[in-house]
Protein backbone atom coordinates (compact mmCIF):
# COMPACT_ATOMS: atom_id res chain seq x y z
CA UNK A 1 -2.16 32.94 21.97
CA UNK A 2 -2.52 36.56 20.85
CA UNK A 3 -0.96 39.48 22.74
CA UNK A 4 -2.14 43.03 22.07
CA UNK A 5 0.86 45.38 21.92
CA UNK A 6 -1.26 48.46 21.23
CA UNK A 7 -2.15 51.37 23.53
CA UNK A 8 -5.71 52.78 23.46
CA UNK A 9 -6.42 56.12 21.79
CA UNK A 10 -8.51 58.68 23.64
CA UNK A 11 -8.21 62.32 24.64
CA UNK A 12 -5.82 61.36 27.45
CA UNK A 13 -3.40 59.52 25.15
CA UNK A 14 -0.02 61.26 25.45
CA UNK A 15 1.37 62.90 22.31
CA UNK A 16 4.92 63.71 21.31
CA UNK A 17 5.75 67.32 22.33
CA UNK A 18 4.48 69.67 19.62
CA UNK A 19 2.11 67.14 18.05
CA UNK A 20 -1.62 67.90 17.92
CA UNK A 21 -3.76 66.77 20.83
CA UNK A 22 -6.44 64.16 20.21
CA UNK A 23 -9.99 65.51 20.11
CA UNK A 24 -13.13 63.40 20.14
CA UNK A 25 -16.66 64.80 19.81
CA UNK A 26 -20.05 63.14 19.34
CA UNK A 27 -21.48 63.20 15.83
CA UNK A 28 -24.52 61.15 16.75
CA UNK A 29 -26.11 60.03 20.01
CA UNK A 30 -28.56 57.17 20.52
CA UNK A 31 -30.93 59.23 22.70
CA UNK A 32 -31.23 61.93 20.04
CA UNK A 33 -30.30 60.33 16.71
CA UNK A 34 -30.87 56.62 17.25
CA UNK A 35 -27.16 55.78 16.83
CA UNK A 36 -23.72 56.61 18.23
CA UNK A 37 -21.12 58.21 15.97
CA UNK A 38 -18.04 60.32 16.65
CA UNK A 39 -15.78 62.87 15.04
CA UNK A 40 -12.14 62.05 15.84
CA UNK A 41 -9.23 64.41 15.23
CA UNK A 42 -5.81 62.81 15.70
CA UNK A 43 -2.26 63.24 14.50
CA UNK A 44 -0.74 60.57 12.29
CA UNK A 45 1.78 59.75 15.03
CA UNK A 46 -0.45 59.30 18.06
CA UNK A 47 -0.52 56.20 20.25
CA UNK A 48 0.85 52.98 18.80
CA UNK A 49 1.59 54.02 15.25
CA UNK A 50 3.78 53.34 12.23
CA UNK A 51 6.22 55.71 10.53
CA UNK A 52 6.61 55.59 6.75
CA UNK A 53 9.67 56.95 4.89
CA UNK A 54 7.70 60.09 4.01
CA UNK A 55 7.79 61.01 7.72
CA UNK A 56 11.45 62.01 7.52
CA UNK A 57 12.54 61.80 3.87
CA UNK A 58 11.68 64.23 1.09
CA UNK A 59 9.56 62.35 -1.48
CA UNK A 60 9.72 59.22 0.71
CA UNK A 61 7.13 56.47 0.35
CA UNK A 62 3.78 56.84 2.08
CA UNK A 63 2.22 53.99 4.07
CA UNK A 64 -0.36 53.06 1.45
CA UNK A 65 2.36 52.14 -1.05
CA UNK A 66 3.61 49.18 1.00
CA UNK A 67 2.33 45.70 0.27
CA UNK A 68 0.41 44.21 3.21
CA UNK A 69 3.05 41.48 3.47
CA UNK A 70 5.35 44.18 4.87
CA UNK A 71 3.18 44.32 7.99
CA UNK A 72 3.53 40.64 8.99
CA UNK A 73 6.68 38.79 9.95
CA UNK A 74 8.60 36.70 12.43
CA UNK A 75 9.16 38.69 15.58
CA UNK A 76 12.42 39.02 17.51
CA UNK A 77 12.53 40.62 20.96
CA UNK A 78 15.67 42.39 22.12
CA UNK A 79 15.81 43.78 25.65
CA UNK A 80 18.02 46.81 26.14
CA UNK A 81 21.11 46.25 28.30
CA UNK A 82 21.48 48.67 31.23
CA UNK A 83 18.92 50.98 29.58
CA UNK A 84 20.96 51.21 26.37
CA UNK A 85 20.93 49.62 22.93
CA UNK A 86 23.58 46.92 22.62
CA UNK A 87 24.85 45.71 19.24
CA UNK A 88 26.08 42.39 20.66
CA UNK A 89 22.60 41.55 21.99
CA UNK A 90 21.13 42.40 18.60
CA UNK A 91 23.68 40.22 16.82
CA UNK A 92 22.82 37.34 19.17
CA UNK A 93 19.10 37.67 18.33
CA UNK A 94 19.51 35.81 15.01
CA UNK A 95 17.90 38.52 12.88
CA UNK A 96 16.92 37.25 9.44
CA UNK A 97 15.61 39.00 6.34
CA UNK A 98 11.96 39.92 6.78
CA UNK A 99 11.99 39.85 10.59
CA UNK A 100 10.20 42.42 12.74
CA UNK A 101 12.52 43.43 15.57
CA UNK A 102 11.06 44.72 18.82
CA UNK A 103 13.18 46.54 21.41
CA UNK A 104 12.07 46.40 25.03
CA UNK A 105 13.26 49.31 27.17
CA UNK A 106 10.57 49.34 29.86
CA UNK A 107 9.79 52.99 29.08
CA UNK A 108 6.13 52.07 28.48
CA UNK A 109 5.71 51.94 32.25
CA UNK A 110 6.24 55.73 32.23
CA UNK A 111 3.87 56.38 29.33
CA UNK A 112 1.85 59.03 31.16
CA UNK A 113 4.87 60.73 32.74
CA UNK A 114 6.95 63.59 31.33
CA UNK A 115 10.07 61.39 31.52
CA UNK A 116 8.63 59.20 28.76
CA UNK A 117 9.33 61.99 26.26
CA UNK A 118 12.39 63.49 27.95
CA UNK A 119 14.65 60.69 29.14
CA UNK A 120 14.57 57.71 26.80
CA UNK A 121 17.56 55.88 25.26
CA UNK A 122 18.52 56.73 21.69
CA UNK A 123 19.30 54.08 19.07
CA UNK A 124 22.93 54.41 17.92
CA UNK A 125 23.70 54.74 14.23
CA UNK A 126 25.34 51.31 14.09
CA UNK A 127 22.18 49.59 15.39
CA UNK A 128 20.02 51.21 12.70
CA UNK A 129 22.58 50.37 10.01
CA UNK A 130 22.72 46.74 11.19
CA UNK A 131 18.94 46.40 10.94
CA UNK A 132 18.96 47.79 7.40
CA UNK A 133 21.83 45.46 6.49
CA UNK A 134 19.88 42.46 7.83
CA UNK A 135 16.81 43.61 5.81
CA UNK A 136 14.39 43.70 8.71
CA UNK A 137 10.84 44.62 7.71
CA UNK A 138 10.08 46.73 10.73
CA UNK A 139 11.46 47.93 14.05
CA UNK A 140 9.18 48.39 17.04
CA UNK A 141 9.89 50.13 20.35
CA UNK A 142 8.08 50.71 23.65
CA UNK A 143 9.16 54.36 23.53
CA UNK A 144 8.05 57.57 21.82
CA UNK A 145 10.95 57.49 19.34
CA UNK A 146 14.09 55.48 18.52
CA UNK A 147 16.18 58.64 18.62
CA UNK A 148 16.30 62.30 19.63
CA UNK A 149 16.11 65.62 17.77
CA UNK A 150 18.48 64.89 14.87
CA UNK A 151 16.46 61.74 14.03
CA UNK A 152 19.51 59.90 12.68
CA UNK A 153 18.13 56.41 13.35
CA UNK A 154 14.78 57.37 11.84
CA UNK A 155 16.41 58.46 8.60
CA UNK A 156 18.68 55.42 8.31
CA UNK A 157 15.86 52.95 8.94
CA UNK A 158 13.29 54.65 6.73
CA UNK A 159 15.77 55.14 3.89
CA UNK A 160 16.23 51.36 3.99
CA UNK A 161 12.44 50.77 3.90
CA UNK A 162 12.49 49.56 7.52
CA UNK A 163 9.22 50.85 8.94
CA UNK A 164 9.10 52.06 12.55
CA UNK A 165 6.46 51.25 15.17
CA UNK A 166 6.41 53.50 18.23
CA UNK A 167 4.62 53.42 21.61
CA UNK A 168 4.27 49.66 21.96
CA UNK A 169 3.22 48.03 25.23
CA UNK A 170 3.13 44.54 26.82
CA UNK A 171 6.47 43.49 25.33
CA UNK A 172 7.36 41.70 28.58
CA UNK A 173 4.76 39.07 27.64
CA UNK A 174 6.95 38.04 24.70
CA UNK A 175 10.10 37.31 26.69
CA UNK A 176 11.51 33.88 25.85
CA UNK A 177 8.78 33.25 23.28
CA UNK A 178 8.68 32.63 19.54
CA UNK A 179 6.08 34.83 17.90
CA UNK A 180 4.73 36.40 14.73
CA UNK A 181 3.91 40.10 14.52
CA UNK A 182 0.84 41.50 12.75
CA UNK A 183 1.03 45.30 12.54
CA UNK A 184 -1.62 46.86 10.31
CA UNK A 185 -1.75 50.66 10.02
CA UNK A 186 -4.74 52.63 8.77
CA UNK A 187 -4.29 52.85 4.99
CA UNK A 188 -3.56 56.56 4.88
CA UNK A 189 -1.71 58.05 1.92
CA UNK A 190 0.47 59.87 4.40
CA UNK A 191 3.66 59.84 6.48
CA UNK A 192 2.31 57.57 9.21
CA UNK A 193 -0.80 56.20 10.87
CA UNK A 194 -2.08 54.59 14.05
CA UNK A 195 -1.76 50.80 13.91
CA UNK A 196 -3.13 47.77 15.71
CA UNK A 197 -0.13 45.61 16.60
CA UNK A 198 -0.62 42.05 17.78
CA UNK A 199 1.84 39.23 18.52
CA UNK A 200 0.85 35.62 17.97
CA UNK A 201 2.88 33.38 20.25
CA UNK A 202 3.69 30.12 18.49
């Protein structure tokens, strides 16, 4: 069974405060041109997307430099405790090298509300350090960011080559399940890119 963890991208897709709005315009129409085509202008961090080290680190790696094997791995779901990250719950999740760790906060239910960008839990430094120590491939969250303005967790994770997936949805469908994550970003030679993220329940 496959579960789509990706939000759709359109002109109503929320963006992180200060990021460019998505713009979509026709470049071809069947009635006039015989085909449909569109011009799409989006930021590299819109919708469900992946952060590369270059997003936060000077001279950091761009997404295109990662082997495709980096984008597939055993998934582990960790639900936040009392709306906060909990190291004990993470330790109990049996994280192994190469795992893709998803954190479920429930914030995705507020995706189109201001609170989604204003009142989300921040990942403590020790959680990010633990994930780097365990050599996770990626971290995914159902929030706009794992941290707030100082971006401490971002920098720790990305410096350890742990990629970050933001704005996931449908994580509740993975509760109590064993699954594999497939998270393929557009192959941009940049700091990040939208990605299609799918879980295969095994």
